[in-house]
Amino acid sequence: MTAPGDTTAVDSRPILWLTLRLNPNRPKEAAMSKPAHKLRAGALTVTVWKNESANGPWYSATPSRSYKQGDDWKESDSFGEGDLLVVAKLLDQAHSWILEQQQADRAQAA
């Protein structure tokens, strides 16, 4: 029997799940807008959103994992151990894309 909070599986390998909530306070109307960019690897996606403010545009990223439940496709913000490096790579690519867009935004504003 394992103690509460024990993350050790029966075969003694650690079990690791990570939940990312990069923008939990996103307004509903903004959630309905079209993404600025999407990066995909299998069932994993990082969606980049462009947001407007009085200080100019800013960007946020939302990672997700798609899965099928019955006939319906759903999305989760929980990731298994095998997903973590892929999500990290997608977030790295999203970061690079955002930096390029910010540079383009500044050039356009000048």
N, C-alpha and C. Protein backbone atom coordinates (compact mmCIF):
# COMPACT_ATOMS: atom_id res chain seq x y z
N MET A 1 0.85 -1.19 0.00
CA MET A 1 0.00 0.00 0.00
C MET A 1 0.88 1.24 0.00
N THR A 2 0.48 2.25 -0.74
CA THR A 2 1.28 3.47 -0.83
C THR A 2 0.68 4.56 0.05
N ALA A 3 1.52 5.46 0.47
CA ALA A 3 1.08 6.57 1.30
C ALA A 3 0.43 7.63 0.43
N PRO A 4 -0.48 8.44 0.99
CA PRO A 4 -1.08 9.52 0.21
C PRO A 4 0.01 10.44 -0.33
N GLY A 5 -0.14 10.81 -1.59
CA GLY A 5 0.83 11.68 -2.23
C GLY A 5 2.01 10.95 -2.82
N ASP A 6 2.08 9.64 -2.62
CA ASP A 6 3.17 8.85 -3.19
C ASP A 6 3.00 8.81 -4.70
N THR A 7 4.06 9.13 -5.44
CA THR A 7 3.99 9.14 -6.91
C THR A 7 4.72 7.95 -7.51
N THR A 8 4.89 6.91 -6.74
CA THR A 8 5.60 5.74 -7.23
C THR A 8 4.61 4.70 -7.72
N ALA A 9 4.81 4.22 -8.94
CA ALA A 9 3.93 3.21 -9.52
C ALA A 9 4.28 1.85 -8.94
N VAL A 10 3.46 0.86 -9.21
CA VAL A 10 3.68 -0.49 -8.73
C VAL A 10 5.03 -1.02 -9.16
N ASP A 11 5.47 -0.67 -10.38
CA ASP A 11 6.76 -1.18 -10.86
C ASP A 11 7.92 -0.26 -10.46
N SER A 12 7.70 0.63 -9.52
CA SER A 12 8.72 1.53 -8.95
C SER A 12 9.16 2.65 -9.87
N ARG A 13 8.52 2.82 -11.04
CA ARG A 13 8.83 3.97 -11.88
C ARG A 13 7.94 5.12 -11.44
N PRO A 14 8.50 6.32 -11.36
CA PRO A 14 7.67 7.45 -10.96
C PRO A 14 6.60 7.77 -12.00
N ILE A 15 5.47 8.19 -11.54
CA ILE A 15 4.38 8.64 -12.40
C ILE A 15 4.37 10.16 -12.34
N LEU A 16 4.34 10.80 -13.49
CA LEU A 16 4.40 12.25 -13.54
C LEU A 16 3.35 12.78 -14.49
N TRP A 17 2.50 13.67 -13.99
CA TRP A 17 1.53 14.37 -14.82
C TRP A 17 1.69 15.85 -14.52
N LEU A 18 1.59 16.67 -15.53
CA LEU A 18 1.74 18.10 -15.38
C LEU A 18 0.52 18.79 -15.96
N THR A 19 -0.03 19.73 -15.24
CA THR A 19 -1.13 20.52 -15.74
C THR A 19 -0.64 21.94 -15.91
N LEU A 20 -0.76 22.47 -17.15
CA LEU A 20 -0.36 23.83 -17.44
C LEU A 20 -1.59 24.69 -17.67
N ARG A 21 -1.64 25.79 -17.01
CA ARG A 21 -2.70 26.77 -17.23
C ARG A 21 -2.00 28.11 -17.42
N LEU A 22 -1.65 28.39 -18.68
CA LEU A 22 -0.86 29.58 -18.96
C LEU A 22 -1.68 30.86 -18.98
N ASN A 23 -2.97 30.75 -19.23
CA ASN A 23 -3.80 31.95 -19.30
C ASN A 23 -5.20 31.63 -18.78
N PRO A 24 -5.35 31.30 -17.48
CA PRO A 24 -6.66 30.89 -16.97
C PRO A 24 -7.68 32.02 -16.90
N ASN A 25 -7.25 33.28 -16.94
CA ASN A 25 -8.17 34.40 -16.83
C ASN A 25 -8.56 34.99 -18.17
N ARG A 26 -8.36 34.22 -19.24
CA ARG A 26 -8.67 34.67 -20.59
C ARG A 26 -10.16 34.98 -20.70
N PRO A 27 -10.54 36.18 -21.16
CA PRO A 27 -11.95 36.51 -21.32
C PRO A 27 -12.64 35.58 -22.32
N LYS A 28 -13.92 35.29 -22.08
CA LYS A 28 -14.65 34.37 -22.96
C LYS A 28 -14.68 34.85 -24.40
N GLU A 29 -14.90 36.14 -24.62
CA GLU A 29 -14.96 36.63 -26.00
C GLU A 29 -13.61 36.48 -26.69
N ALA A 30 -12.52 36.61 -25.96
CA ALA A 30 -11.20 36.41 -26.55
C ALA A 30 -10.99 34.94 -26.89
N ALA A 31 -11.55 34.04 -26.08
CA ALA A 31 -11.41 32.61 -26.34
C ALA A 31 -12.11 32.22 -27.63
N MET A 32 -13.07 33.00 -28.07
CA MET A 32 -13.81 32.71 -29.28
C MET A 32 -13.11 33.29 -30.52
N SER A 33 -12.08 34.11 -30.33
CA SER A 33 -11.40 34.69 -31.47
C SER A 33 -10.50 33.65 -32.15
N LYS A 34 -10.05 33.98 -33.35
CA LYS A 34 -9.21 33.07 -34.12
C LYS A 34 -7.78 33.11 -33.57
N PRO A 35 -7.15 31.94 -33.43
CA PRO A 35 -5.77 31.92 -32.95
C PRO A 35 -4.83 32.62 -33.93
N ALA A 36 -3.77 33.21 -33.41
CA ALA A 36 -2.77 33.83 -34.26
C ALA A 36 -1.88 32.77 -34.92
N HIS A 37 -1.69 31.64 -34.22
CA HIS A 37 -0.79 30.60 -34.72
C HIS A 37 -1.06 29.31 -33.95
N LYS A 38 -0.87 28.16 -34.61
CA LYS A 38 -0.98 26.86 -33.95
C LYS A 38 0.21 26.01 -34.32
N LEU A 39 0.75 25.32 -33.33
CA LEU A 39 1.85 24.37 -33.54
C LEU A 39 1.35 23.02 -33.07
N ARG A 40 1.58 21.98 -33.89
CA ARG A 40 1.06 20.66 -33.57
C ARG A 40 2.14 19.60 -33.67
N ALA A 41 2.00 18.59 -32.81
CA ALA A 41 2.82 17.38 -32.87
C ALA A 41 1.92 16.25 -32.37
N GLY A 42 1.39 15.47 -33.30
CA GLY A 42 0.47 14.41 -32.92
C GLY A 42 -0.77 14.98 -32.26
N ALA A 43 -1.09 14.49 -31.07
CA ALA A 43 -2.27 14.95 -30.35
C ALA A 43 -2.01 16.22 -29.54
N LEU A 44 -0.78 16.70 -29.56
CA LEU A 44 -0.42 17.88 -28.77
C LEU A 44 -0.45 19.14 -29.62
N THR A 45 -0.95 20.21 -29.04
CA THR A 45 -1.07 21.49 -29.74
C THR A 45 -0.69 22.61 -28.79
N VAL A 46 -0.01 23.62 -29.31
CA VAL A 46 0.16 24.89 -28.59
C VAL A 46 -0.49 25.95 -29.48
N THR A 47 -1.47 26.62 -28.92
CA THR A 47 -2.18 27.68 -29.62
C THR A 47 -1.67 29.02 -29.13
N VAL A 48 -1.30 29.90 -30.06
CA VAL A 48 -0.82 31.24 -29.73
C VAL A 48 -1.95 32.22 -30.02
N TRP A 49 -2.21 33.09 -29.05
CA TRP A 49 -3.27 34.09 -29.15
C TRP A 49 -2.65 35.48 -29.19
N LYS A 50 -3.17 36.33 -30.06
CA LYS A 50 -2.76 37.73 -30.09
C LYS A 50 -3.83 38.53 -29.37
N ASN A 51 -3.40 39.32 -28.43
CA ASN A 51 -4.30 40.14 -27.62
C ASN A 51 -3.96 41.60 -27.83
N GLU A 52 -4.95 42.44 -27.85
CA GLU A 52 -4.74 43.88 -28.02
C GLU A 52 -4.96 44.57 -26.68
N SER A 53 -4.12 45.57 -26.42
CA SER A 53 -4.27 46.37 -25.21
C SER A 53 -3.92 47.82 -25.55
N ALA A 54 -4.12 48.70 -24.59
CA ALA A 54 -3.78 50.11 -24.79
C ALA A 54 -2.29 50.29 -25.05
N ASN A 55 -1.48 49.36 -24.57
CA ASN A 55 -0.03 49.42 -24.77
C ASN A 55 0.43 48.69 -26.02
N GLY A 56 -0.51 48.23 -26.84
CA GLY A 56 -0.16 47.49 -28.04
C GLY A 56 -0.44 46.00 -27.88
N PRO A 57 -0.12 45.23 -28.90
CA PRO A 57 -0.43 43.80 -28.87
C PRO A 57 0.49 43.02 -27.92
N TRP A 58 -0.04 41.94 -27.38
CA TRP A 58 0.74 41.00 -26.59
C TRP A 58 0.23 39.60 -26.91
N TYR A 59 1.04 38.61 -26.61
CA TYR A 59 0.74 37.24 -27.01
C TYR A 59 0.71 36.31 -25.80
N SER A 60 -0.10 35.27 -25.92
CA SER A 60 -0.14 34.23 -24.90
C SER A 60 -0.21 32.87 -25.60
N ALA A 61 0.15 31.82 -24.89
CA ALA A 61 0.16 30.48 -25.46
C ALA A 61 -0.60 29.52 -24.56
N THR A 62 -1.34 28.62 -25.20
CA THR A 62 -2.14 27.63 -24.48
C THR A 62 -1.81 26.25 -25.01
N PRO A 63 -1.17 25.39 -24.20
CA PRO A 63 -0.92 24.02 -24.64
C PRO A 63 -2.13 23.14 -24.38
N SER A 64 -2.36 22.14 -25.21
CA SER A 64 -3.47 21.21 -25.00
C SER A 64 -3.14 19.85 -25.60
N ARG A 65 -3.88 18.85 -25.17
CA ARG A 65 -3.75 17.49 -25.70
C ARG A 65 -5.14 17.05 -26.12
N SER A 66 -5.29 16.62 -27.37
CA SER A 66 -6.57 16.15 -27.89
C SER A 66 -6.72 14.66 -27.61
N TYR A 67 -7.95 14.25 -27.33
CA TYR A 67 -8.24 12.84 -27.15
C TYR A 67 -9.69 12.58 -27.55
N LYS A 68 -9.98 11.36 -27.89
CA LYS A 68 -11.32 11.00 -28.31
C LYS A 68 -12.02 10.26 -27.17
N GLN A 69 -13.23 10.71 -26.87
CA GLN A 69 -14.05 10.06 -25.85
C GLN A 69 -15.37 9.68 -26.53
N GLY A 70 -15.51 8.40 -26.82
CA GLY A 70 -16.67 7.97 -27.60
C GLY A 70 -16.53 8.50 -29.01
N ASP A 71 -17.55 9.22 -29.48
CA ASP A 71 -17.50 9.82 -30.82
C ASP A 71 -17.02 11.26 -30.80
N ASP A 72 -16.78 11.80 -29.62
CA ASP A 72 -16.43 13.22 -29.49
C ASP A 72 -14.94 13.43 -29.25
N TRP A 73 -14.40 14.47 -29.90
CA TRP A 73 -13.03 14.89 -29.63
C TRP A 73 -13.05 15.92 -28.52
N LYS A 74 -12.14 15.78 -27.56
CA LYS A 74 -12.05 16.70 -26.43
C LYS A 74 -10.61 17.16 -26.30
N GLU A 75 -10.41 18.19 -25.46
CA GLU A 75 -9.07 18.70 -25.19
C GLU A 75 -8.83 18.71 -23.70
N SER A 76 -7.59 18.46 -23.34
CA SER A 76 -7.17 18.45 -21.95
C SER A 76 -5.94 19.32 -21.79
N ASP A 77 -5.76 19.86 -20.58
CA ASP A 77 -4.53 20.60 -20.29
C ASP A 77 -3.64 19.81 -19.33
N SER A 78 -3.84 18.50 -19.30
CA SER A 78 -2.97 17.60 -18.53
C SER A 78 -2.11 16.80 -19.51
N PHE A 79 -0.86 16.57 -19.10
CA PHE A 79 0.10 15.92 -19.98
C PHE A 79 0.81 14.80 -19.24
N GLY A 80 0.96 13.69 -19.93
CA GLY A 80 1.69 12.56 -19.36
C GLY A 80 3.18 12.77 -19.49
N GLU A 81 3.91 11.91 -18.82
CA GLU A 81 5.37 11.97 -18.82
C GLU A 81 5.94 12.00 -20.24
N GLY A 82 5.40 11.20 -21.12
CA GLY A 82 5.89 11.14 -22.49
C GLY A 82 5.55 12.37 -23.31
N ASP A 83 4.61 13.18 -22.85
CA ASP A 83 4.22 14.39 -23.56
C ASP A 83 5.09 15.60 -23.22
N LEU A 84 5.73 15.57 -22.08
CA LEU A 84 6.35 16.78 -21.54
C LEU A 84 7.42 17.40 -22.43
N LEU A 85 8.33 16.60 -22.94
CA LEU A 85 9.38 17.16 -23.79
C LEU A 85 8.81 17.68 -25.11
N VAL A 86 7.79 17.01 -25.63
CA VAL A 86 7.16 17.47 -26.87
C VAL A 86 6.45 18.79 -26.62
N VAL A 87 5.72 18.91 -25.51
CA VAL A 87 5.05 20.18 -25.16
C VAL A 87 6.10 21.26 -24.97
N ALA A 88 7.21 20.93 -24.31
CA ALA A 88 8.28 21.92 -24.11
C ALA A 88 8.83 22.40 -25.46
N LYS A 89 9.02 21.48 -26.40
CA LYS A 89 9.51 21.85 -27.73
C LYS A 89 8.51 22.75 -28.45
N LEU A 90 7.22 22.39 -28.37
CA LEU A 90 6.19 23.22 -29.00
C LEU A 90 6.15 24.61 -28.36
N LEU A 91 6.29 24.68 -27.04
CA LEU A 91 6.31 25.98 -26.36
C LEU A 91 7.54 26.79 -26.76
N ASP A 92 8.67 26.11 -26.95
CA ASP A 92 9.88 26.78 -27.42
C ASP A 92 9.65 27.37 -28.81
N GLN A 93 9.03 26.59 -29.69
CA GLN A 93 8.72 27.08 -31.03
C GLN A 93 7.72 28.24 -30.98
N ALA A 94 6.75 28.15 -30.07
CA ALA A 94 5.78 29.25 -29.91
C ALA A 94 6.49 30.51 -29.44
N HIS A 95 7.42 30.35 -28.52
CA HIS A 95 8.20 31.49 -28.03
C HIS A 95 8.95 32.17 -29.17
N SER A 96 9.61 31.38 -30.00
CA SER A 96 10.34 31.94 -31.15
C SER A 96 9.40 32.66 -32.10
N TRP A 97 8.23 32.07 -32.37
CA TRP A 97 7.26 32.69 -33.26
C TRP A 97 6.77 34.01 -32.68
N ILE A 98 6.51 34.03 -31.37
CA ILE A 98 6.03 35.25 -30.71
C ILE A 98 7.10 36.35 -30.80
N LEU A 99 8.36 36.00 -30.56
CA LEU A 99 9.42 37.01 -30.66
C LEU A 99 9.48 37.62 -32.06
N GLU A 100 9.34 36.79 -33.09
CA GLU A 100 9.33 37.30 -34.47
C GLU A 100 8.13 38.21 -34.70
N GLN A 101 6.98 37.84 -34.18
CA GLN A 101 5.78 38.67 -34.35
C GLN A 101 5.91 39.99 -33.62
N GLN A 102 6.48 39.96 -32.41
CA GLN A 102 6.68 41.21 -31.67
C GLN A 102 7.61 42.15 -32.42
N GLN A 103 8.64 41.60 -33.03
CA GLN A 103 9.56 42.41 -33.84
C GLN A 103 8.81 43.01 -35.03
N ALA A 104 7.99 42.22 -35.70
CA ALA A 104 7.20 42.71 -36.83
C ALA A 104 6.20 43.76 -36.36
N ASP A 105 5.59 43.56 -35.21
CA ASP A 105 4.63 44.53 -34.66
C ASP A 105 5.32 45.87 -34.39
N ARG A 106 6.53 45.82 -33.82
CA ARG A 106 7.27 47.06 -33.53
C ARG A 106 7.66 47.76 -34.84
N ALA A 107 8.08 47.00 -35.84
CA ALA A 107 8.46 47.60 -37.12
C ALA A 107 7.25 48.25 -37.79
N GLN A 108 6.10 47.60 -37.69
CA GLN A 108 4.89 48.14 -38.29
C GLN A 108 4.43 49.41 -37.57
N ALA A 109 4.63 49.48 -36.26
CA ALA A 109 4.21 50.65 -35.49
C ALA A 109 5.14 51.85 -35.70
N ALA A 110 6.36 51.59 -36.14
CA ALA A 110 7.35 52.69 -36.31
C ALA A 110 7.12 53.47 -37.58
